[in-house]
Amino acid sequence: MRNDIAWQLLPAELGFGSGQTCWRRLERWQRAGVFDRLHRILLAKLHAAGELDWSRACVDGSHVRAKKGEPTPVRRRSTGGEGGANTT
């Protein structure tokens, strides 16, 4: 049993096309925002049915991809005075 499988090892018997085809479809759906919309619709329906228990909710941002190519903030000189001498 595995959690994931390489696209090229996806069994053709499943009838979804080649691994490359599945990867391209997934990529296209992600770019189109399909999964974000599905998530929002599911949450709205569950909320309307009273099936969400927010008392057990957890926020985890570890899956959020870091932005590539974002400019790093420019370091600014301090406007405060010079640091005091060490008195210890």
PDB file of N, CA and C in Angstrom:
ATOM      1  N   MET A   1       0.856  -1.171   0.000  1.00  0.00           N
ATOM      2  CA  MET A   1       0.000   0.000   0.000  1.00  0.00           C
ATOM      3  C   MET A   1       0.902   1.234   0.000  1.00  0.00           C
ATOM      4  N   ARG A   2       0.554   2.199  -0.835  1.00  0.00           N
ATOM      5  CA  ARG A   2       1.335   3.430  -0.939  1.00  0.00           C
ATOM      6  C   ARG A   2       0.417   4.628  -0.832  1.00  0.00           C
ATOM      7  N   ASN A   3       0.984   5.746  -0.419  1.00  0.00           N
ATOM      8  CA  ASN A   3       0.217   6.989  -0.355  1.00  0.00           C
ATOM      9  C   ASN A   3       0.183   7.704  -1.693  1.00  0.00           C
ATOM     10  N   ASP A   4       1.190   7.487  -2.488  1.00  0.00           N
ATOM     11  CA  ASP A   4       1.245   8.174  -3.772  1.00  0.00           C
ATOM     12  C   ASP A   4       1.858   7.251  -4.805  1.00  0.00           C
ATOM     13  N   ILE A   5       1.792   7.675  -6.047  1.00  0.00           N
ATOM     14  CA  ILE A   5       2.330   6.874  -7.143  1.00  0.00           C
ATOM     15  C   ILE A   5       2.848   7.833  -8.204  1.00  0.00           C
ATOM     16  N   ALA A   6       3.928   7.464  -8.843  1.00  0.00           N
ATOM     17  CA  ALA A   6       4.466   8.297  -9.926  1.00  0.00           C
ATOM     18  C   ALA A   6       3.457   8.312 -11.076  1.00  0.00           C
ATOM     19  N   TRP A   7       3.320   9.456 -11.726  1.00  0.00           N
ATOM     20  CA  TRP A   7       2.357   9.574 -12.815  1.00  0.00           C
ATOM     21  C   TRP A   7       2.563   8.500 -13.882  1.00  0.00           C
ATOM     22  N   GLN A   8       3.799   8.194 -14.215  1.00  0.00           N
ATOM     23  CA  GLN A   8       4.061   7.219 -15.277  1.00  0.00           C
ATOM     24  C   GLN A   8       3.708   5.795 -14.858  1.00  0.00           C
ATOM     25  N   LEU A   9       3.484   5.559 -13.551  1.00  0.00           N
ATOM     26  CA  LEU A   9       3.114   4.229 -13.064  1.00  0.00           C
ATOM     27  C   LEU A   9       1.610   4.073 -12.860  1.00  0.00           C
ATOM     28  N   LEU A  10       0.842   5.092 -13.212  1.00  0.00           N
ATOM     29  CA  LEU A  10      -0.607   5.032 -13.058  1.00  0.00           C
ATOM     30  C   LEU A  10      -1.159   3.923 -13.952  1.00  0.00           C
ATOM     31  N   PRO A  11      -1.893   2.961 -13.398  1.00  0.00           N
ATOM     32  CA  PRO A  11      -2.382   1.822 -14.197  1.00  0.00           C
ATOM     33  C   PRO A  11      -3.343   2.253 -15.298  1.00  0.00           C
ATOM     34  N   ALA A  12      -3.073   1.838 -16.513  1.00  0.00           N
ATOM     35  CA  ALA A  12      -3.931   2.166 -17.660  1.00  0.00           C
ATOM     36  C   ALA A  12      -5.320   1.554 -17.499  1.00  0.00           C
ATOM     37  N   GLU A  13      -5.421   0.452 -16.731  1.00  0.00           N
ATOM     38  CA  GLU A  13      -6.702  -0.223 -16.536  1.00  0.00           C
ATOM     39  C   GLU A  13      -7.742   0.668 -15.853  1.00  0.00           C
ATOM     40  N   LEU A  14      -7.287   1.715 -15.198  1.00  0.00           N
ATOM     41  CA  LEU A  14      -8.226   2.623 -14.539  1.00  0.00           C
ATOM     42  C   LEU A  14      -9.044   3.415 -15.554  1.00  0.00           C
ATOM     43  N   GLY A  15      -8.535   3.526 -16.774  1.00  0.00           N
ATOM     44  CA  GLY A  15      -9.282   4.199 -17.837  1.00  0.00           C
ATOM     45  C   GLY A  15      -9.213   5.710 -17.819  1.00  0.00           C
ATOM     46  N   PHE A  16      -8.240   6.277 -17.117  1.00  0.00           N
ATOM     47  CA  PHE A  16      -8.116   7.735 -17.039  1.00  0.00           C
ATOM     48  C   PHE A  16      -7.143   8.303 -18.064  1.00  0.00           C
ATOM     49  N   GLY A  17      -6.555   7.473 -18.885  1.00  0.00           N
ATOM     50  CA  GLY A  17      -5.539   7.917 -19.822  1.00  0.00           C
ATOM     51  C   GLY A  17      -4.158   7.708 -19.228  1.00  0.00           C
ATOM     52  N   SER A  18      -3.160   8.175 -19.930  1.00  0.00           N
ATOM     53  CA  SER A  18      -1.783   8.007 -19.465  1.00  0.00           C
ATOM     54  C   SER A  18      -1.520   8.889 -18.248  1.00  0.00           C
ATOM     55  N   GLY A  19      -0.437   8.605 -17.562  1.00  0.00           N
ATOM     56  CA  GLY A  19      -0.047   9.428 -16.429  1.00  0.00           C
ATOM     57  C   GLY A  19       0.170  10.874 -16.836  1.00  0.00           C
ATOM     58  N   GLN A  20       0.756  11.078 -18.012  1.00  0.00           N
ATOM     59  CA  GLN A  20       0.991  12.440 -18.507  1.00  0.00           C
ATOM     60  C   GLN A  20      -0.324  13.172 -18.744  1.00  0.00           C
ATOM     61  N   THR A  21      -1.307  12.455 -19.299  1.00  0.00           N
ATOM     62  CA  THR A  21      -2.618  13.057 -19.527  1.00  0.00           C
ATOM     63  C   THR A  21      -3.260  13.458 -18.207  1.00  0.00           C
ATOM     64  N   CYS A  22      -3.206  12.570 -17.217  1.00  0.00           N
ATOM     65  CA  CYS A  22      -3.781  12.872 -15.903  1.00  0.00           C
ATOM     66  C   CYS A  22      -3.077  14.055 -15.258  1.00  0.00           C
ATOM     67  N   TRP A  23      -1.753  14.105 -15.374  1.00  0.00           N
ATOM     68  CA  TRP A  23      -0.998  15.214 -14.798  1.00  0.00           C
ATOM     69  C   TRP A  23      -1.403  16.532 -15.447  1.00  0.00           C
ATOM     70  N   ARG A  24      -1.532  16.527 -16.789  1.00  0.00           N
ATOM     71  CA  ARG A  24      -1.924  17.753 -17.499  1.00  0.00           C
ATOM     72  C   ARG A  24      -3.318  18.215 -17.078  1.00  0.00           C
ATOM     73  N   ARG A  25      -4.248  17.261 -16.930  1.00  0.00           N
ATOM     74  CA  ARG A  25      -5.605  17.621 -16.492  1.00  0.00           C
ATOM     75  C   ARG A  25      -5.580  18.223 -15.092  1.00  0.00           C
ATOM     76  N   LEU A  26      -4.864  17.575 -14.190  1.00  0.00           N
ATOM     77  CA  LEU A  26      -4.766  18.088 -12.826  1.00  0.00           C
ATOM     78  C   LEU A  26      -4.178  19.491 -12.811  1.00  0.00           C
ATOM     79  N   GLU A  27      -3.118  19.689 -13.568  1.00  0.00           N
ATOM     80  CA  GLU A  27      -2.475  21.009 -13.651  1.00  0.00           C
ATOM     81  C   GLU A  27      -3.457  22.059 -14.174  1.00  0.00           C
ATOM     82  N   ARG A  28      -4.195  21.703 -15.214  1.00  0.00           N
ATOM     83  CA  ARG A  28      -5.172  22.623 -15.803  1.00  0.00           C
ATOM     84  C   ARG A  28      -6.272  22.952 -14.798  1.00  0.00           C
ATOM     85  N   TRP A  29      -6.762  21.951 -14.075  1.00  0.00           N
ATOM     86  CA  TRP A  29      -7.820  22.180 -13.084  1.00  0.00           C
ATOM     87  C   TRP A  29      -7.313  23.032 -11.935  1.00  0.00           C
ATOM     88  N   GLN A  30      -6.068  22.806 -11.524  1.00  0.00           N
ATOM     89  CA  GLN A  30      -5.506  23.624 -10.440  1.00  0.00           C
ATOM     90  C   GLN A  30      -5.389  25.076 -10.875  1.00  0.00           C
ATOM     91  N   ARG A  31      -4.884  25.308 -12.094  1.00  0.00           N
ATOM     92  CA  ARG A  31      -4.746  26.683 -12.590  1.00  0.00           C
ATOM     93  C   ARG A  31      -6.101  27.370 -12.736  1.00  0.00           C
ATOM     94  N   ALA A  32      -7.133  26.584 -13.077  1.00  0.00           N
ATOM     95  CA  ALA A  32      -8.477  27.135 -13.257  1.00  0.00           C
ATOM     96  C   ALA A  32      -9.198  27.357 -11.930  1.00  0.00           C
ATOM     97  N   GLY A  33      -8.603  26.904 -10.828  1.00  0.00           N
ATOM     98  CA  GLY A  33      -9.205  27.111  -9.520  1.00  0.00           C
ATOM     99  C   GLY A  33     -10.324  26.130  -9.189  1.00  0.00           C
ATOM    100  N   VAL A  34     -10.374  24.993  -9.900  1.00  0.00           N
ATOM    101  CA  VAL A  34     -11.444  24.019  -9.689  1.00  0.00           C
ATOM    102  C   VAL A  34     -11.469  23.526  -8.247  1.00  0.00           C
ATOM    103  N   PHE A  35     -10.327  23.170  -7.697  1.00  0.00           N
ATOM    104  CA  PHE A  35     -10.297  22.594  -6.356  1.00  0.00           C
ATOM    105  C   PHE A  35     -10.614  23.621  -5.279  1.00  0.00           C
ATOM    106  N   ASP A  36     -10.183  24.862  -5.466  1.00  0.00           N
ATOM    107  CA  ASP A  36     -10.539  25.920  -4.513  1.00  0.00           C
ATOM    108  C   ASP A  36     -12.047  26.140  -4.497  1.00  0.00           C
ATOM    109  N   ARG A  37     -12.658  26.160  -5.695  1.00  0.00           N
ATOM    110  CA  ARG A  37     -14.108  26.348  -5.772  1.00  0.00           C
ATOM    111  C   ARG A  37     -14.854  25.166  -5.150  1.00  0.00           C
ATOM    112  N   LEU A  38     -14.394  23.950  -5.443  1.00  0.00           N
ATOM    113  CA  LEU A  38     -15.022  22.763  -4.854  1.00  0.00           C
ATOM    114  C   LEU A  38     -14.949  22.802  -3.330  1.00  0.00           C
ATOM    115  N   HIS A  39     -13.793  23.203  -2.802  1.00  0.00           N
ATOM    116  CA  HIS A  39     -13.618  23.290  -1.359  1.00  0.00           C
ATOM    117  C   HIS A  39     -14.585  24.297  -0.760  1.00  0.00           C
ATOM    118  N   ARG A  40     -14.706  25.463  -1.382  1.00  0.00           N
ATOM    119  CA  ARG A  40     -15.611  26.496  -0.866  1.00  0.00           C
ATOM    120  C   ARG A  40     -17.072  26.045  -0.927  1.00  0.00           C
ATOM    121  N   ILE A  41     -17.456  25.384  -2.033  1.00  0.00           N
ATOM    122  CA  ILE A  41     -18.832  24.891  -2.170  1.00  0.00           C
ATOM    123  C   ILE A  41     -19.125  23.836  -1.106  1.00  0.00           C
ATOM    124  N   LEU A  42     -18.196  22.911  -0.911  1.00  0.00           N
ATOM    125  CA  LEU A  42     -18.377  21.866   0.089  1.00  0.00           C
ATOM    126  C   LEU A  42     -18.516  22.469   1.483  1.00  0.00           C
ATOM    127  N   LEU A  43     -17.653  23.416   1.828  1.00  0.00           N
ATOM    128  CA  LEU A  43     -17.746  24.061   3.139  1.00  0.00           C
ATOM    129  C   LEU A  43     -19.078  24.788   3.308  1.00  0.00           C
ATOM    130  N   ALA A  44     -19.536  25.483   2.260  1.00  0.00           N
ATOM    131  CA  ALA A  44     -20.806  26.215   2.342  1.00  0.00           C
ATOM    132  C   ALA A  44     -21.967  25.248   2.559  1.00  0.00           C
ATOM    133  N   LYS A  45     -21.969  24.128   1.835  1.00  0.00           N
ATOM    134  CA  LYS A  45     -23.057  23.156   1.987  1.00  0.00           C
ATOM    135  C   LYS A  45     -23.022  22.502   3.367  1.00  0.00           C
ATOM    136  N   LEU A  46     -21.841  22.150   3.838  1.00  0.00           N
ATOM    137  CA  LEU A  46     -21.727  21.557   5.165  1.00  0.00           C
ATOM    138  C   LEU A  46     -22.160  22.541   6.245  1.00  0.00           C
ATOM    139  N   HIS A  47     -21.764  23.806   6.075  1.00  0.00           N
ATOM    140  CA  HIS A  47     -22.140  24.842   7.043  1.00  0.00           C
ATOM    141  C   HIS A  47     -23.660  25.022   7.056  1.00  0.00           C
ATOM    142  N   ALA A  48     -24.271  25.082   5.870  1.00  0.00           N
ATOM    143  CA  ALA A  48     -25.723  25.261   5.778  1.00  0.00           C
ATOM    144  C   ALA A  48     -26.468  24.088   6.419  1.00  0.00           C
ATOM    145  N   ALA A  49     -25.888  22.897   6.351  1.00  0.00           N
ATOM    146  CA  ALA A  49     -26.525  21.709   6.934  1.00  0.00           C
ATOM    147  C   ALA A  49     -26.184  21.548   8.415  1.00  0.00           C
ATOM    148  N   GLY A  50     -25.382  22.470   8.963  1.00  0.00           N
ATOM    149  CA  GLY A  50     -24.997  22.389  10.371  1.00  0.00           C
ATOM    150  C   GLY A  50     -24.051  21.228  10.660  1.00  0.00           C
ATOM    151  N   GLU A  51     -23.278  20.829   9.663  1.00  0.00           N
ATOM    152  CA  GLU A  51     -22.396  19.677   9.801  1.00  0.00           C
ATOM    153  C   GLU A  51     -20.937  20.038  10.098  1.00  0.00           C
ATOM    154  N   LEU A  52     -20.651  21.325  10.325  1.00  0.00           N
ATOM    155  CA  LEU A  52     -19.283  21.732  10.628  1.00  0.00           C
ATOM    156  C   LEU A  52     -19.146  22.026  12.114  1.00  0.00           C
ATOM    157  N   ASP A  53     -18.100  21.497  12.713  1.00  0.00           N
ATOM    158  CA  ASP A  53     -17.815  21.750  14.120  1.00  0.00           C
ATOM    159  C   ASP A  53     -16.511  22.543  14.189  1.00  0.00           C
ATOM    160  N   TRP A  54     -16.623  23.876  14.201  1.00  0.00           N
ATOM    161  CA  TRP A  54     -15.447  24.736  14.173  1.00  0.00           C
ATOM    162  C   TRP A  54     -14.687  24.717  15.485  1.00  0.00           C
ATOM    163  N   SER A  55     -15.249  24.127  16.542  1.00  0.00           N
ATOM    164  CA  SER A  55     -14.538  24.077  17.822  1.00  0.00           C
ATOM    165  C   SER A  55     -13.319  23.165  17.736  1.00  0.00           C
ATOM    166  N   ARG A  56     -13.255  22.334  16.717  1.00  0.00           N
ATOM    167  CA  ARG A  56     -12.132  21.421  16.549  1.00  0.00           C
ATOM    168  C   ARG A  56     -11.298  21.784  15.324  1.00  0.00           C
ATOM    169  N   ALA A  57     -11.422  22.997  14.840  1.00  0.00           N
ATOM    170  CA  ALA A  57     -10.696  23.432  13.648  1.00  0.00           C
ATOM    171  C   ALA A  57      -9.237  23.709  13.979  1.00  0.00           C
ATOM    172  N   CYS A  58      -8.386  23.519  12.998  1.00  0.00           N
ATOM    173  CA  CYS A  58      -6.953  23.765  13.154  1.00  0.00           C
ATOM    174  C   CYS A  58      -6.445  24.440  11.887  1.00  0.00           C
ATOM    175  N   VAL A  59      -5.674  25.467  12.042  1.00  0.00           N
ATOM    176  CA  VAL A  59      -5.109  26.168  10.893  1.00  0.00           C
ATOM    177  C   VAL A  59      -3.667  25.739  10.736  1.00  0.00           C
ATOM    178  N   ASP A  60      -3.328  25.299   9.535  1.00  0.00           N
ATOM    179  CA  ASP A  60      -1.966  24.841   9.258  1.00  0.00           C
ATOM    180  C   ASP A  60      -1.535  25.410   7.917  1.00  0.00           C
ATOM    181  N   GLY A  61      -0.536  26.249   7.927  1.00  0.00           N
ATOM    182  CA  GLY A  61      -0.052  26.852   6.685  1.00  0.00           C
ATOM    183  C   GLY A  61       1.162  26.169   6.117  1.00  0.00           C
ATOM    184  N   SER A  62       1.520  25.004   6.639  1.00  0.00           N
ATOM    185  CA  SER A  62       2.742  24.347   6.178  1.00  0.00           C
ATOM    186  C   SER A  62       2.661  23.885   4.733  1.00  0.00           C
ATOM    187  N   HIS A  63       1.442  23.761   4.188  1.00  0.00           N
ATOM    188  CA  HIS A  63       1.297  23.316   2.809  1.00  0.00           C
ATOM    189  C   HIS A  63       1.317  24.458   1.805  1.00  0.00           C
ATOM    190  N   VAL A  64       1.375  25.680   2.287  1.00  0.00           N
ATOM    191  CA  VAL A  64       1.348  26.839   1.401  1.00  0.00           C
ATOM    192  C   VAL A  64       2.714  27.019   0.763  1.00  0.00           C
ATOM    193  N   ARG A  65       2.741  27.086  -0.534  1.00  0.00           N
ATOM    194  CA  ARG A  65       3.988  27.206  -1.264  1.00  0.00           C
ATOM    195  C   ARG A  65       4.585  28.603  -1.095  1.00  0.00           C
ATOM    196  N   ALA A  66       5.884  28.662  -0.901  1.00  0.00           N
ATOM    197  CA  ALA A  66       6.571  29.945  -0.800  1.00  0.00           C
ATOM    198  C   ALA A  66       6.593  30.600  -2.178  1.00  0.00           C
ATOM    199  N   LYS A  67       6.385  31.883  -2.209  1.00  0.00           N
ATOM    200  CA  LYS A  67       6.415  32.611  -3.485  1.00  0.00           C
ATOM    201  C   LYS A  67       7.835  32.655  -4.018  1.00  0.00           C
ATOM    202  N   LYS A  68       7.984  32.307  -5.279  1.00  0.00           N
ATOM    203  CA  LYS A  68       9.304  32.369  -5.899  1.00  0.00           C
ATOM    204  C   LYS A  68       9.451  33.697  -6.627  1.00  0.00           C
ATOM    205  N   GLY A  69      10.610  34.249  -6.566  1.00  0.00           N
ATOM    206  CA  GLY A  69      10.870  35.483  -7.295  1.00  0.00           C
ATOM    207  C   GLY A  69      10.369  36.736  -6.616  1.00  0.00           C
ATOM    208  N   GLU A  70       9.828  36.612  -5.427  1.00  0.00           N
ATOM    209  CA  GLU A  70       9.378  37.792  -4.713  1.00  0.00           C
ATOM    210  C   GLU A  70      10.603  38.589  -4.265  1.00  0.00           C
ATOM    211  N   PRO A  71      10.573  39.894  -4.391  1.00  0.00           N
ATOM    212  CA  PRO A  71      11.720  40.673  -3.928  1.00  0.00           C
ATOM    213  C   PRO A  71      11.854  40.589  -2.412  1.00  0.00           C
ATOM    214  N   THR A  72      13.077  40.489  -1.975  1.00  0.00           N
ATOM    215  CA  THR A  72      13.309  40.477  -0.537  1.00  0.00           C
ATOM    216  C   THR A  72      13.262  41.913  -0.037  1.00  0.00           C
ATOM    217  N   PRO A  73      12.761  42.129   1.174  1.00  0.00           N
ATOM    218  CA  PRO A  73      12.672  43.502   1.680  1.00  0.00           C
ATOM    219  C   PRO A  73      14.066  44.117   1.813  1.00  0.00           C
ATOM    220  N   VAL A  74      14.148  45.388   1.494  1.00  0.00           N
ATOM    221  CA  VAL A  74      15.409  46.106   1.591  1.00  0.00           C
ATOM    222  C   VAL A  74      15.669  46.428   3.051  1.00  0.00           C
ATOM    223  N   ARG A  75      16.875  46.151   3.501  1.00  0.00           N
ATOM    224  CA  ARG A  75      17.219  46.484   4.886  1.00  0.00           C
ATOM    225  C   ARG A  75      17.404  47.988   4.995  1.00  0.00           C
ATOM    226  N   ARG A  76      16.794  48.562   5.964  1.00  0.00           N
ATOM    227  CA  ARG A  76      16.866  50.006   6.194  1.00  0.00           C
ATOM    228  C   ARG A  76      17.756  50.264   7.393  1.00  0.00           C
ATOM    229  N   ARG A  77      18.412  51.381   7.359  1.00  0.00           N
ATOM    230  CA  ARG A  77      19.220  51.767   8.510  1.00  0.00           C
ATOM    231  C   ARG A  77      18.297  52.173   9.640  1.00  0.00           C
ATOM    232  N   SER A  78      18.701  51.881  10.835  1.00  0.00           N
ATOM    233  CA  SER A  78      17.911  52.233  12.002  1.00  0.00           C
ATOM    234  C   SER A  78      17.855  53.746  12.147  1.00  0.00           C
ATOM    235  N   THR A  79      16.699  54.238  12.559  1.00  0.00           N
ATOM    236  CA  THR A  79      16.575  55.686  12.800  1.00  0.00           C
ATOM    237  C   THR A  79      16.884  56.010  14.260  1.00  0.00           C
ATOM    238  N   GLY A  80      17.089  54.942  15.047  1.00  0.00           N
ATOM    239  CA  GLY A  80      17.412  55.146  16.456  1.00  0.00           C
ATOM    240  C   GLY A  80      18.884  55.482  16.617  1.00  0.00           C
ATOM    241  N   GLY A  81      19.253  55.875  17.820  1.00  0.00           N
ATOM    242  CA  GLY A  81      20.641  56.209  18.095  1.00  0.00           C
ATOM    243  C   GLY A  81      21.505  54.948  18.101  1.00  0.00           C
ATOM    244  N   GLU A  82      22.781  55.169  18.228  1.00  0.00           N
ATOM    245  CA  GLU A  82      23.698  54.037  18.297  1.00  0.00           C
ATOM    246  C   GLU A  82      23.422  53.238  19.558  1.00  0.00           C
ATOM    247  N   GLY A  83      23.670  51.951  19.483  1.00  0.00           N
ATOM    248  CA  GLY A  83      23.482  51.102  20.653  1.00  0.00           C
ATOM    249  C   GLY A  83      24.423  51.524  21.781  1.00  0.00           C
ATOM    250  N   GLY A  84      23.975  51.381  23.006  1.00  0.00           N
ATOM    251  CA  GLY A  84      24.807  51.741  24.146  1.00  0.00           C
ATOM    252  C   GLY A  84      25.934  50.752  24.355  1.00  0.00           C
ATOM    253  N   ALA A  85      26.932  51.168  25.111  1.00  0.00           N
ATOM    254  CA  ALA A  85      28.061  50.288  25.410  1.00  0.00           C
ATOM    255  C   ALA A  85      27.604  49.174  26.325  1.00  0.00           C
ATOM    256  N   ASN A  86      28.229  48.046  26.214  1.00  0.00           N
ATOM    257  CA  ASN A  86      27.890  46.910  27.055  1.00  0.00           C
ATOM    258  C   ASN A  86      28.310  47.234  28.495  1.00  0.00           C
ATOM    259  N   THR A  87      27.357  47.168  29.397  1.00  0.00           N
ATOM    260  CA  THR A  87      27.661  47.534  30.791  1.00  0.00           C
ATOM    261  C   THR A  87      27.769  46.337  31.698  1.00  0.00           C
ATOM    262  N   THR A  88      27.718  45.134  31.142  1.00  0.00           N
ATOM    263  CA  THR A  88      27.823  43.950  32.015  1.00  0.00           C
ATOM    264  C   THR A  88      29.233  43.520  32.219  1.00  0.00           C
TER     265      THR A  88
END
